[in-house]
PDB file of N, CA and C in Angstrom:
ATOM      1  N   UNK A   1      -3.502  18.583  -0.114  1.00  0.00           N
ATOM      2  CA  UNK A   1      -2.851  17.296   0.107  1.00  0.00           C
ATOM      3  C   UNK A   1      -3.595  16.208  -0.664  1.00  0.00           C
ATOM      4  N   UNK A   2      -2.848  15.237  -1.179  1.00  0.00           N
ATOM      5  CA  UNK A   2      -3.480  14.131  -1.896  1.00  0.00           C
ATOM      6  C   UNK A   2      -4.354  13.283  -0.965  1.00  0.00           C
ATOM      7  N   UNK A   3      -5.377  12.694  -1.521  1.00  0.00           N
ATOM      8  CA  UNK A   3      -6.252  11.787  -0.781  1.00  0.00           C
ATOM      9  C   UNK A   3      -5.964  10.364  -1.222  1.00  0.00           C
ATOM     10  N   UNK A   4      -5.887   9.471  -0.230  1.00  0.00           N
ATOM     11  CA  UNK A   4      -5.729   8.043  -0.503  1.00  0.00           C
ATOM     12  C   UNK A   4      -6.970   7.344   0.026  1.00  0.00           C
ATOM     13  N   UNK A   5      -7.517   6.439  -0.776  1.00  0.00           N
ATOM     14  CA  UNK A   5      -8.686   5.653  -0.398  1.00  0.00           C
ATOM     15  C   UNK A   5      -8.212   4.238  -0.087  1.00  0.00           C
ATOM     16  N   UNK A   6      -8.441   3.805   1.136  1.00  0.00           N
ATOM     17  CA  UNK A   6      -8.093   2.454   1.563  1.00  0.00           C
ATOM     18  C   UNK A   6      -9.372   1.630   1.635  1.00  0.00           C
ATOM     19  N   UNK A   7      -9.454   0.560   0.859  1.00  0.00           N
ATOM     20  CA  UNK A   7     -10.579  -0.363   0.959  1.00  0.00           C
ATOM     21  C   UNK A   7     -10.175  -1.411   1.996  1.00  0.00           C
ATOM     22  N   UNK A   8     -10.900  -1.440   3.085  1.00  0.00           N
ATOM     23  CA  UNK A   8     -10.551  -2.289   4.221  1.00  0.00           C
ATOM     24  C   UNK A   8     -11.034  -3.721   4.027  1.00  0.00           C
ATOM     25  N   UNK A   9     -10.615  -4.597   4.918  1.00  0.00           N
ATOM     26  CA  UNK A   9     -10.936  -6.010   4.824  1.00  0.00           C
ATOM     27  C   UNK A   9     -12.436  -6.275   4.874  1.00  0.00           C
ATOM     28  N   UNK A  10     -13.194  -5.411   5.536  1.00  0.00           N
ATOM     29  CA  UNK A  10     -14.645  -5.595   5.618  1.00  0.00           C
ATOM     30  C   UNK A  10     -15.384  -4.983   4.423  1.00  0.00           C
ATOM     31  N   UNK A  11     -14.632  -4.418   3.473  1.00  0.00           N
ATOM     32  CA  UNK A  11     -15.225  -3.832   2.279  1.00  0.00           C
ATOM     33  C   UNK A  11     -15.522  -2.351   2.379  1.00  0.00           C
ATOM     34  N   UNK A  12     -15.416  -1.788   3.577  1.00  0.00           N
ATOM     35  CA  UNK A  12     -15.636  -0.349   3.743  1.00  0.00           C
ATOM     36  C   UNK A  12     -14.420   0.416   3.230  1.00  0.00           C
ATOM     37  N   UNK A  13     -14.599   1.702   2.986  1.00  0.00           N
ATOM     38  CA  UNK A  13     -13.512   2.542   2.481  1.00  0.00           C
ATOM     39  C   UNK A  13     -13.226   3.660   3.470  1.00  0.00           C
ATOM     40  N   UNK A  14     -11.947   3.884   3.745  1.00  0.00           N
ATOM     41  CA  UNK A  14     -11.510   5.037   4.528  1.00  0.00           C
ATOM     42  C   UNK A  14     -10.676   5.911   3.627  1.00  0.00           C
ATOM     43  N   UNK A  15     -11.027   7.166   3.533  1.00  0.00           N
ATOM     44  CA  UNK A  15     -10.302   8.136   2.720  1.00  0.00           C
ATOM     45  C   UNK A  15      -9.584   9.093   3.648  1.00  0.00           C
ATOM     46  N   UNK A  16      -8.285   9.268   3.434  1.00  0.00           N
ATOM     47  CA  UNK A  16      -7.479  10.115   4.311  1.00  0.00           C
ATOM     48  C   UNK A  16      -6.596  11.043   3.482  1.00  0.00           C
ATOM     49  N   UNK A  17      -6.227  12.152   4.079  1.00  0.00           N
ATOM     50  CA  UNK A  17      -5.299  13.090   3.464  1.00  0.00           C
ATOM     51  C   UNK A  17      -3.878  12.586   3.718  1.00  0.00           C
ATOM     52  N   UNK A  18      -3.057  12.596   2.692  1.00  0.00           N
ATOM     53  CA  UNK A  18      -1.692  12.098   2.790  1.00  0.00           C
ATOM     54  C   UNK A  18      -0.696  13.223   2.569  1.00  0.00           C
ATOM     55  N   UNK A  19       0.351  13.207   3.326  1.00  0.00           N
ATOM     56  CA  UNK A  19       1.408  14.201   3.197  1.00  0.00           C
ATOM     57  C   UNK A  19       2.329  13.803   2.037  1.00  0.00           C
ATOM     58  N   UNK A  20       2.509  14.680   1.053  1.00  0.00           N
ATOM     59  CA  UNK A  20       3.443  14.367  -0.031  1.00  0.00           C
ATOM     60  C   UNK A  20       4.828  14.030   0.523  1.00  0.00           C
ATOM     61  N   UNK A  21       5.422  12.990  -0.019  1.00  0.00           N
ATOM     62  CA  UNK A  21       6.728  12.537   0.443  1.00  0.00           C
ATOM     63  C   UNK A  21       6.643  11.391   1.428  1.00  0.00           C
ATOM     64  N   UNK A  22       5.493  11.229   2.087  1.00  0.00           N
ATOM     65  CA  UNK A  22       5.293  10.092   2.986  1.00  0.00           C
ATOM     66  C   UNK A  22       4.974   8.869   2.133  1.00  0.00           C
ATOM     67  N   UNK A  23       5.096   7.704   2.704  1.00  0.00           N
ATOM     68  CA  UNK A  23       4.701   6.500   1.975  1.00  0.00           C
ATOM     69  C   UNK A  23       3.223   6.214   2.237  1.00  0.00           C
ATOM     70  N   UNK A  24       2.654   5.396   1.387  1.00  0.00           N
ATOM     71  CA  UNK A  24       1.261   4.974   1.579  1.00  0.00           C
ATOM     72  C   UNK A  24       1.150   4.202   2.892  1.00  0.00           C
ATOM     73  N   UNK A  25       2.184   3.445   3.268  1.00  0.00           N
ATOM     74  CA  UNK A  25       2.218   2.717   4.529  1.00  0.00           C
ATOM     75  C   UNK A  25       2.265   3.677   5.714  1.00  0.00           C
ATOM     76  N   UNK A  26       3.139   4.670   5.670  1.00  0.00           N
ATOM     77  CA  UNK A  26       3.226   5.643   6.767  1.00  0.00           C
ATOM     78  C   UNK A  26       1.896   6.362   6.955  1.00  0.00           C
ATOM     79  N   UNK A  27       1.253   6.687   5.859  1.00  0.00           N
ATOM     80  CA  UNK A  27      -0.046   7.350   5.921  1.00  0.00           C
ATOM     81  C   UNK A  27      -1.069   6.436   6.579  1.00  0.00           C
ATOM     82  N   UNK A  28      -1.048   5.164   6.236  1.00  0.00           N
ATOM     83  CA  UNK A  28      -1.976   4.202   6.841  1.00  0.00           C
ATOM     84  C   UNK A  28      -1.750   4.092   8.344  1.00  0.00           C
ATOM     85  N   UNK A  29      -0.507   3.997   8.743  1.00  0.00           N
ATOM     86  CA  UNK A  29      -0.195   3.886  10.176  1.00  0.00           C
ATOM     87  C   UNK A  29      -0.627   5.155  10.902  1.00  0.00           C
ATOM     88  N   UNK A  30      -0.338   6.306  10.331  1.00  0.00           N
ATOM     89  CA  UNK A  30      -0.698   7.592  10.939  1.00  0.00           C
ATOM     90  C   UNK A  30      -2.209   7.718  11.139  1.00  0.00           C
ATOM     91  N   UNK A  31      -2.984   7.089  10.253  1.00  0.00           N
ATOM     92  CA  UNK A  31      -4.440   7.190  10.312  1.00  0.00           C
ATOM     93  C   UNK A  31      -5.104   5.906  10.829  1.00  0.00           C
ATOM     94  N   UNK A  32      -4.304   5.024  11.411  1.00  0.00           N
ATOM     95  CA  UNK A  32      -4.807   3.794  12.031  1.00  0.00           C
ATOM     96  C   UNK A  32      -5.658   2.963  11.068  1.00  0.00           C
ATOM     97  N   UNK A  33      -5.127   2.729   9.875  1.00  0.00           N
ATOM     98  CA  UNK A  33      -5.802   1.890   8.894  1.00  0.00           C
ATOM     99  C   UNK A  33      -5.556   0.437   9.271  1.00  0.00           C
ATOM    100  N   UNK A  34      -6.608  -0.260   9.630  1.00  0.00           N
ATOM    101  CA  UNK A  34      -6.481  -1.666  10.037  1.00  0.00           C
ATOM    102  C   UNK A  34      -6.143  -2.539   8.829  1.00  0.00           C
ATOM    103  N   UNK A  35      -5.248  -3.494   9.073  1.00  0.00           N
ATOM    104  CA  UNK A  35      -4.865  -4.428   8.025  1.00  0.00           C
ATOM    105  C   UNK A  35      -3.523  -4.113   7.388  1.00  0.00           C
ATOM    106  N   UNK A  36      -2.979  -2.946   7.675  1.00  0.00           N
ATOM    107  CA  UNK A  36      -1.621  -2.621   7.241  1.00  0.00           C
ATOM    108  C   UNK A  36      -0.787  -2.583   8.514  1.00  0.00           C
ATOM    109  N   UNK A  37      -0.037  -3.668   8.739  1.00  0.00           N
ATOM    110  CA  UNK A  37       0.668  -3.847  10.003  1.00  0.00           C
ATOM    111  C   UNK A  37       2.044  -3.194  10.032  1.00  0.00           C
ATOM    112  N   UNK A  38       2.770  -3.266   8.921  1.00  0.00           N
ATOM    113  CA  UNK A  38       4.087  -2.626   8.814  1.00  0.00           C
ATOM    114  C   UNK A  38       5.026  -3.016   9.945  1.00  0.00           C
ATOM    115  N   UNK A  39       5.165  -4.308  10.156  1.00  0.00           N
ATOM    116  CA  UNK A  39       6.001  -4.803  11.246  1.00  0.00           C
ATOM    117  C   UNK A  39       7.449  -4.335  11.165  1.00  0.00           C
ATOM    118  N   UNK A  40       7.976  -4.137   9.958  1.00  0.00           N
ATOM    119  CA  UNK A  40       9.379  -3.732   9.818  1.00  0.00           C
ATOM    120  C   UNK A  40       9.545  -2.211   9.827  1.00  0.00           C
ATOM    121  N   UNK A  41       8.447  -1.496   9.918  1.00  0.00           N
ATOM    122  CA  UNK A  41       8.526  -0.031   9.980  1.00  0.00           C
ATOM    123  C   UNK A  41       8.809   0.634   8.644  1.00  0.00           C
ATOM    124  N   UNK A  42       8.671  -0.100   7.568  1.00  0.00           N
ATOM    125  CA  UNK A  42       8.873   0.499   6.253  1.00  0.00           C
ATOM    126  C   UNK A  42      10.225   0.244   5.633  1.00  0.00           C
ATOM    127  N   UNK A  43      10.955  -0.741   6.138  1.00  0.00           N
ATOM    128  CA  UNK A  43      12.291  -1.017   5.595  1.00  0.00           C
ATOM    129  C   UNK A  43      12.286  -2.086   4.501  1.00  0.00           C
ATOM    130  N   UNK A  44      11.111  -2.412   3.988  1.00  0.00           N
ATOM    131  CA  UNK A  44      10.977  -3.373   2.886  1.00  0.00           C
ATOM    132  C   UNK A  44      11.585  -4.723   3.249  1.00  0.00           C
ATOM    133  N   UNK A  45      11.153  -5.256   4.431  1.00  0.00           N
ATOM    134  CA  UNK A  45      11.688  -6.553   4.824  1.00  0.00           C
ATOM    135  C   UNK A  45      10.655  -7.502   5.420  1.00  0.00           C
ATOM    136  N   UNK A  46       9.346  -7.148   5.349  1.00  0.00           N
ATOM    137  CA  UNK A  46       8.385  -8.050   5.986  1.00  0.00           C
ATOM    138  C   UNK A  46       7.126  -8.334   5.168  1.00  0.00           C
ATOM    139  N   UNK A  47       6.725  -7.481   4.274  1.00  0.00           N
ATOM    140  CA  UNK A  47       5.534  -7.638   3.423  1.00  0.00           C
ATOM    141  C   UNK A  47       4.213  -7.535   4.174  1.00  0.00           C
ATOM    142  N   UNK A  48       4.214  -7.016   5.412  1.00  0.00           N
ATOM    143  CA  UNK A  48       2.962  -6.856   6.154  1.00  0.00           C
ATOM    144  C   UNK A  48       2.264  -5.540   5.822  1.00  0.00           C
ATOM    145  N   UNK A  49       2.723  -4.894   4.773  1.00  0.00           N
ATOM    146  CA  UNK A  49       2.053  -3.679   4.280  1.00  0.00           C
ATOM    147  C   UNK A  49       1.577  -3.894   2.840  1.00  0.00           C
ATOM    148  N   UNK A  50       1.463  -5.154   2.448  1.00  0.00           N
ATOM    149  CA  UNK A  50       1.011  -5.534   1.110  1.00  0.00           C
ATOM    150  C   UNK A  50      -0.368  -4.945   0.838  1.00  0.00           C
ATOM    151  N   UNK A  51      -0.543  -4.364  -0.335  1.00  0.00           N
ATOM    152  CA  UNK A  51      -1.841  -3.840  -0.783  1.00  0.00           C
ATOM    153  C   UNK A  51      -2.023  -4.178  -2.261  1.00  0.00           C
ATOM    154  N   UNK A  52      -3.275  -4.057  -2.706  1.00  0.00           N
ATOM    155  CA  UNK A  52      -3.606  -4.184  -4.116  1.00  0.00           C
ATOM    156  C   UNK A  52      -3.945  -2.783  -4.621  1.00  0.00           C
ATOM    157  N   UNK A  53      -3.191  -2.308  -5.593  1.00  0.00           N
ATOM    158  CA  UNK A  53      -3.351  -0.957  -6.129  1.00  0.00           C
ATOM    159  C   UNK A  53      -4.398  -0.967  -7.241  1.00  0.00           C
ATOM    160  N   UNK A  54      -5.279   0.033  -7.225  1.00  0.00           N
ATOM    161  CA  UNK A  54      -6.282   0.155  -8.289  1.00  0.00           C
ATOM    162  C   UNK A  54      -5.573   0.226  -9.634  1.00  0.00           C
ATOM    163  N   UNK A  55      -6.105  -0.506 -10.597  1.00  0.00           N
ATOM    164  CA  UNK A  55      -5.482  -0.639 -11.921  1.00  0.00           C
ATOM    165  C   UNK A  55      -5.162   0.703 -12.576  1.00  0.00           C
ATOM    166  N   UNK A  56      -6.028   1.696 -12.409  1.00  0.00           N
ATOM    167  CA  UNK A  56      -5.820   2.978 -13.091  1.00  0.00           C
ATOM    168  C   UNK A  56      -4.653   3.780 -12.512  1.00  0.00           C
ATOM    169  N   UNK A  57      -4.065   3.321 -11.409  1.00  0.00           N
ATOM    170  CA  UNK A  57      -2.908   4.017 -10.835  1.00  0.00           C
ATOM    171  C   UNK A  57      -1.603   3.272 -11.058  1.00  0.00           C
ATOM    172  N   UNK A  58      -1.661   2.044 -11.527  1.00  0.00           N
ATOM    173  CA  UNK A  58      -0.431   1.257 -11.696  1.00  0.00           C
ATOM    174  C   UNK A  58       0.583   1.946 -12.597  1.00  0.00           C
ATOM    175  N   UNK A  59       0.134   2.557 -13.668  1.00  0.00           N
ATOM    176  CA  UNK A  59       1.034   3.226 -14.600  1.00  0.00           C
ATOM    177  C   UNK A  59       1.691   4.477 -14.031  1.00  0.00           C
ATOM    178  N   UNK A  60       1.192   4.958 -12.905  1.00  0.00           N
ATOM    179  CA  UNK A  60       1.761   6.149 -12.267  1.00  0.00           C
ATOM    180  C   UNK A  60       2.826   5.797 -11.241  1.00  0.00           C
ATOM    181  N   UNK A  61       3.024   4.498 -11.028  1.00  0.00           N
ATOM    182  CA  UNK A  61       3.998   4.047 -10.034  1.00  0.00           C
ATOM    183  C   UNK A  61       5.233   3.478 -10.715  1.00  0.00           C
ATOM    184  N   UNK A  62       6.401   3.683 -10.107  1.00  0.00           N
ATOM    185  CA  UNK A  62       7.584   3.008 -10.644  1.00  0.00           C
ATOM    186  C   UNK A  62       7.450   1.504 -10.427  1.00  0.00           C
ATOM    187  N   UNK A  63       8.094   0.726 -11.247  1.00  0.00           N
ATOM    188  CA  UNK A  63       8.058  -0.730 -11.094  1.00  0.00           C
ATOM    189  C   UNK A  63       8.710  -1.124  -9.772  1.00  0.00           C
ATOM    190  N   UNK A  64       8.262  -2.231  -9.181  1.00  0.00           N
ATOM    191  CA  UNK A  64       8.907  -2.706  -7.954  1.00  0.00           C
ATOM    192  C   UNK A  64      10.378  -3.030  -8.205  1.00  0.00           C
ATOM    193  N   UNK A  65      11.221  -2.706  -7.240  1.00  0.00           N
ATOM    194  CA  UNK A  65      12.624  -3.094  -7.371  1.00  0.00           C
ATOM    195  C   UNK A  65      12.766  -4.572  -7.009  1.00  0.00           C
ATOM    196  N   UNK A  66      13.955  -5.104  -7.110  1.00  0.00           N
ATOM    197  CA  UNK A  66      14.188  -6.536  -6.902  1.00  0.00           C
ATOM    198  C   UNK A  66      13.775  -6.989  -5.504  1.00  0.00           C
ATOM    199  N   UNK A  67      14.089  -6.192  -4.480  1.00  0.00           N
ATOM    200  CA  UNK A  67      13.763  -6.568  -3.108  1.00  0.00           C
ATOM    201  C   UNK A  67      12.241  -6.632  -2.909  1.00  0.00           C
ATOM    202  N   UNK A  68      11.532  -5.602  -3.381  1.00  0.00           N
ATOM    203  CA  UNK A  68      10.076  -5.606  -3.252  1.00  0.00           C
ATOM    204  C   UNK A  68       9.480  -6.782  -4.027  1.00  0.00           C
ATOM    205  N   UNK A  69       9.980  -7.026  -5.221  1.00  0.00           N
ATOM    206  CA  UNK A  69       9.481  -8.116  -6.051  1.00  0.00           C
ATOM    207  C   UNK A  69       9.615  -9.459  -5.330  1.00  0.00           C
ATOM    208  N   UNK A  70      10.758  -9.692  -4.697  1.00  0.00           N
ATOM    209  CA  UNK A  70      10.972 -10.936  -3.958  1.00  0.00           C
ATOM    210  C   UNK A  70      10.013 -11.054  -2.782  1.00  0.00           C
ATOM    211  N   UNK A  71       9.816  -9.962  -2.053  1.00  0.00           N
ATOM    212  CA  UNK A  71       8.904  -9.995  -0.906  1.00  0.00           C
ATOM    213  C   UNK A  71       7.462 -10.223  -1.347  1.00  0.00           C
ATOM    214  N   UNK A  72       7.086  -9.671  -2.476  1.00  0.00           N
ATOM    215  CA  UNK A  72       5.724  -9.868  -2.968  1.00  0.00           C
ATOM    216  C   UNK A  72       5.448 -11.335  -3.297  1.00  0.00           C
ATOM    217  N   UNK A  73       6.500 -12.092  -3.614  1.00  0.00           N
ATOM    218  CA  UNK A  73       6.336 -13.525  -3.864  1.00  0.00           C
ATOM    219  C   UNK A  73       6.043 -14.299  -2.585  1.00  0.00           C
ATOM    220  N   UNK A  74       6.279 -13.682  -1.433  1.00  0.00           N
ATOM    221  CA  UNK A  74       6.123 -14.370  -0.150  1.00  0.00           C
ATOM    222  C   UNK A  74       4.999 -13.786   0.706  1.00  0.00           C
ATOM    223  N   UNK A  75       4.077 -13.053   0.112  1.00  0.00           N
ATOM    224  CA  UNK A  75       2.990 -12.466   0.899  1.00  0.00           C
ATOM    225  C   UNK A  75       2.009 -13.549   1.342  1.00  0.00           C
ATOM    226  N   UNK A  76       1.338 -13.295   2.470  1.00  0.00           N
ATOM    227  CA  UNK A  76       0.361 -14.243   3.005  1.00  0.00           C
ATOM    228  C   UNK A  76      -0.867 -14.338   2.107  1.00  0.00           C
ATOM    229  N   UNK A  77      -1.296 -13.212   1.564  1.00  0.00           N
ATOM    230  CA  UNK A  77      -2.406 -13.198   0.616  1.00  0.00           C
ATOM    231  C   UNK A  77      -1.838 -13.339  -0.792  1.00  0.00           C
ATOM    232  N   UNK A  78      -2.638 -13.862  -1.677  1.00  0.00           N
ATOM    233  CA  UNK A  78      -2.178 -14.132  -3.030  1.00  0.00           C
ATOM    234  C   UNK A  78      -1.607 -12.889  -3.712  1.00  0.00           C
ATOM    235  N   UNK A  79      -0.468 -13.084  -4.363  1.00  0.00           N
ATOM    236  CA  UNK A  79       0.113 -12.008  -5.156  1.00  0.00           C
ATOM    237  C   UNK A  79      -0.697 -11.859  -6.440  1.00  0.00           C
ATOM    238  N   UNK A  80      -0.963 -10.614  -6.797  1.00  0.00           N
ATOM    239  CA  UNK A  80      -1.688 -10.304  -8.025  1.00  0.00           C
ATOM    240  C   UNK A  80      -0.840  -9.339  -8.842  1.00  0.00           C
ATOM    241  N   UNK A  81      -1.172  -9.127 -10.111  1.00  0.00           N
ATOM    242  CA  UNK A  81      -0.401  -8.186 -10.917  1.00  0.00           C
ATOM    243  C   UNK A  81      -0.368  -6.767 -10.340  1.00  0.00           C
ATOM    244  N   UNK A  82      -1.357  -6.417  -9.522  1.00  0.00           N
ATOM    245  CA  UNK A  82      -1.412  -5.078  -8.925  1.00  0.00           C
ATOM    246  C   UNK A  82      -0.954  -5.070  -7.464  1.00  0.00           C
ATOM    247  N   UNK A  83      -0.285  -6.134  -7.016  1.00  0.00           N
ATOM    248  CA  UNK A  83       0.249  -6.186  -5.657  1.00  0.00           C
ATOM    249  C   UNK A  83       1.452  -5.265  -5.518  1.00  0.00           C
ATOM    250  N   UNK A  84       1.481  -4.545  -4.421  1.00  0.00           N
ATOM    251  CA  UNK A  84       2.628  -3.690  -4.090  1.00  0.00           C
ATOM    252  C   UNK A  84       2.790  -3.664  -2.579  1.00  0.00           C
ATOM    253  N   UNK A  85       3.988  -3.308  -2.131  1.00  0.00           N
ATOM    254  CA  UNK A  85       4.213  -3.029  -0.714  1.00  0.00           C
ATOM    255  C   UNK A  85       3.983  -1.541  -0.530  1.00  0.00           C
ATOM    256  N   UNK A  86       3.076  -1.194   0.374  1.00  0.00           N
ATOM    257  CA  UNK A  86       2.722   0.218   0.531  1.00  0.00           C
ATOM    258  C   UNK A  86       3.872   1.054   1.085  1.00  0.00           C
ATOM    259  N   UNK A  87       4.867   0.422   1.687  1.00  0.00           N
ATOM    260  CA  UNK A  87       6.030   1.177   2.167  1.00  0.00           C
ATOM    261  C   UNK A  87       6.896   1.671   1.010  1.00  0.00           C
ATOM    262  N   UNK A  88       6.684   1.104  -0.167  1.00  0.00           N
ATOM    263  CA  UNK A  88       7.489   1.463  -1.330  1.00  0.00           C
ATOM    264  C   UNK A  88       6.779   2.425  -2.276  1.00  0.00           C
ATOM    265  N   UNK A  89       5.593   2.889  -1.897  1.00  0.00           N
ATOM    266  CA  UNK A  89       4.849   3.848  -2.712  1.00  0.00           C
ATOM    267  C   UNK A  89       4.905   5.204  -2.036  1.00  0.00           C
ATOM    268  N   UNK A  90       5.598   6.141  -2.663  1.00  0.00           N
ATOM    269  CA  UNK A  90       5.718   7.495  -2.126  1.00  0.00           C
ATOM    270  C   UNK A  90       4.573   8.349  -2.638  1.00  0.00           C
ATOM    271  N   UNK A  91       3.923   9.047  -1.721  1.00  0.00           N
ATOM    272  CA  UNK A  91       2.792   9.903  -2.067  1.00  0.00           C
ATOM    273  C   UNK A  91       3.283  11.131  -2.833  1.00  0.00           C
ATOM    274  N   UNK A  92       2.649  11.375  -3.963  1.00  0.00           N
ATOM    275  CA  UNK A  92       2.912  12.574  -4.767  1.00  0.00           C
ATOM    276  C   UNK A  92       1.563  13.177  -5.148  1.00  0.00           C
ATOM    277  N   UNK A  93       1.588  14.399  -5.653  1.00  0.00           N
ATOM    278  CA  UNK A  93       0.355  15.044  -6.099  1.00  0.00           C
ATOM    279  C   UNK A  93      -0.317  14.218  -7.192  1.00  0.00           C
ATOM    280  N   UNK A  94       0.473  13.557  -8.027  1.00  0.00           N
ATOM    281  CA  UNK A  94      -0.064  12.748  -9.120  1.00  0.00           C
ATOM    282  C   UNK A  94      -0.879  11.555  -8.611  1.00  0.00           C
ATOM    283  N   UNK A  95      -0.635  11.148  -7.364  1.00  0.00           N
ATOM    284  CA  UNK A  95      -1.347  10.008  -6.793  1.00  0.00           C
ATOM    285  C   UNK A  95      -2.613  10.421  -6.045  1.00  0.00           C
ATOM    286  N   UNK A  96      -3.029  11.672  -6.173  1.00  0.00           N
ATOM    287  CA  UNK A  96      -4.271  12.110  -5.536  1.00  0.00           C
ATOM    288  C   UNK A  96      -5.418  11.222  -6.014  1.00  0.00           C
ATOM    289  N   UNK A  97      -6.143  10.636  -5.070  1.00  0.00           N
ATOM    290  CA  UNK A  97      -7.242   9.742  -5.407  1.00  0.00           C
ATOM    291  C   UNK A  97      -6.849   8.273  -5.461  1.00  0.00           C
ATOM    292  N   UNK A  98      -5.585   7.970  -5.183  1.00  0.00           N
ATOM    293  CA  UNK A  98      -5.111   6.589  -5.200  1.00  0.00           C
ATOM    294  C   UNK A  98      -6.015   5.706  -4.343  1.00  0.00           C
ATOM    295  N   UNK A  99      -6.380   4.557  -4.880  1.00  0.00           N
ATOM    296  CA  UNK A  99      -7.163   3.574  -4.134  1.00  0.00           C
ATOM    297  C   UNK A  99      -6.341   2.308  -4.002  1.00  0.00           C
ATOM    298  N   UNK A 100      -6.236   1.823  -2.767  1.00  0.00           N
ATOM    299  CA  UNK A 100      -5.558   0.561  -2.498  1.00  0.00           C
ATOM    300  C   UNK A 100      -6.489  -0.313  -1.659  1.00  0.00           C
ATOM    301  N   UNK A 101      -6.434  -1.611  -1.920  1.00  0.00           N
ATOM    302  CA  UNK A 101      -7.243  -2.552  -1.157  1.00  0.00           C
ATOM    303  C   UNK A 101      -6.342  -3.347  -0.233  1.00  0.00           C
ATOM    304  N   UNK A 102      -6.738  -3.431   1.030  1.00  0.00           N
ATOM    305  CA  UNK A 102      -5.990  -4.180   2.032  1.00  0.00           C
ATOM    306  C   UNK A 102      -6.324  -5.659   1.853  1.00  0.00           C
ATOM    307  N   UNK A 103      -5.324  -6.543   1.794  1.00  0.00           N
ATOM    308  CA  UNK A 103      -5.591  -7.980   1.632  1.00  0.00           C
ATOM    309  C   UNK A 103      -6.318  -8.557   2.848  1.00  0.00           C
ATOM    310  N   UNK A 104      -6.835  -9.763   2.665  1.00  0.00           N
ATOM    311  CA  UNK A 104      -7.540 -10.425   3.752  1.00  0.00           C
ATOM    312  C   UNK A 104      -6.653 -10.699   4.950  1.00  0.00           C
ATOM    313  N   UNK A 105      -5.380 -11.026   4.688  1.00  0.00           N
ATOM    314  CA  UNK A 105      -4.477 -11.338   5.789  1.00  0.00           C
ATOM    315  C   UNK A 105      -3.043 -10.989   5.410  1.00  0.00           C
ATOM    316  N   UNK A 106      -2.229 -10.766   6.444  1.00  0.00           N
ATOM    317  CA  UNK A 106      -0.789 -10.571   6.266  1.00  0.00           C
ATOM    318  C   UNK A 106      -0.016 -11.657   7.008  1.00  0.00           C
ATOM    319  N   UNK A 107      -0.728 -12.555   7.665  1.00  0.00           N
ATOM    320  CA  UNK A 107      -0.090 -13.584   8.493  1.00  0.00           C
ATOM    321  C   UNK A 107      -0.243 -14.937   7.856  1.00  0.00           C
TER     322      UNK A 107
END
């Protein structure tokens, strides 16, 4: 199974095994990753699963669709070029080792 590294708000890292086909958000919730709230349950309507994706993985992800792009403009933490909603990132074998950083706040 692929491993995802979550850099938490306190700077520590939690590495967890992810089920292929699950989203990065679902994996975070399943492993109680603090800072990924996912209030909408993964329906791409709240932006409380905003993360910053490590630069070396950006090219392995599809571009955000229009809905995700709009939500990223309204995140509580500053939008960056590597901002993504973790509910929109599907775990694949190619993403083994993916590192995402949890923003300071989602509120």
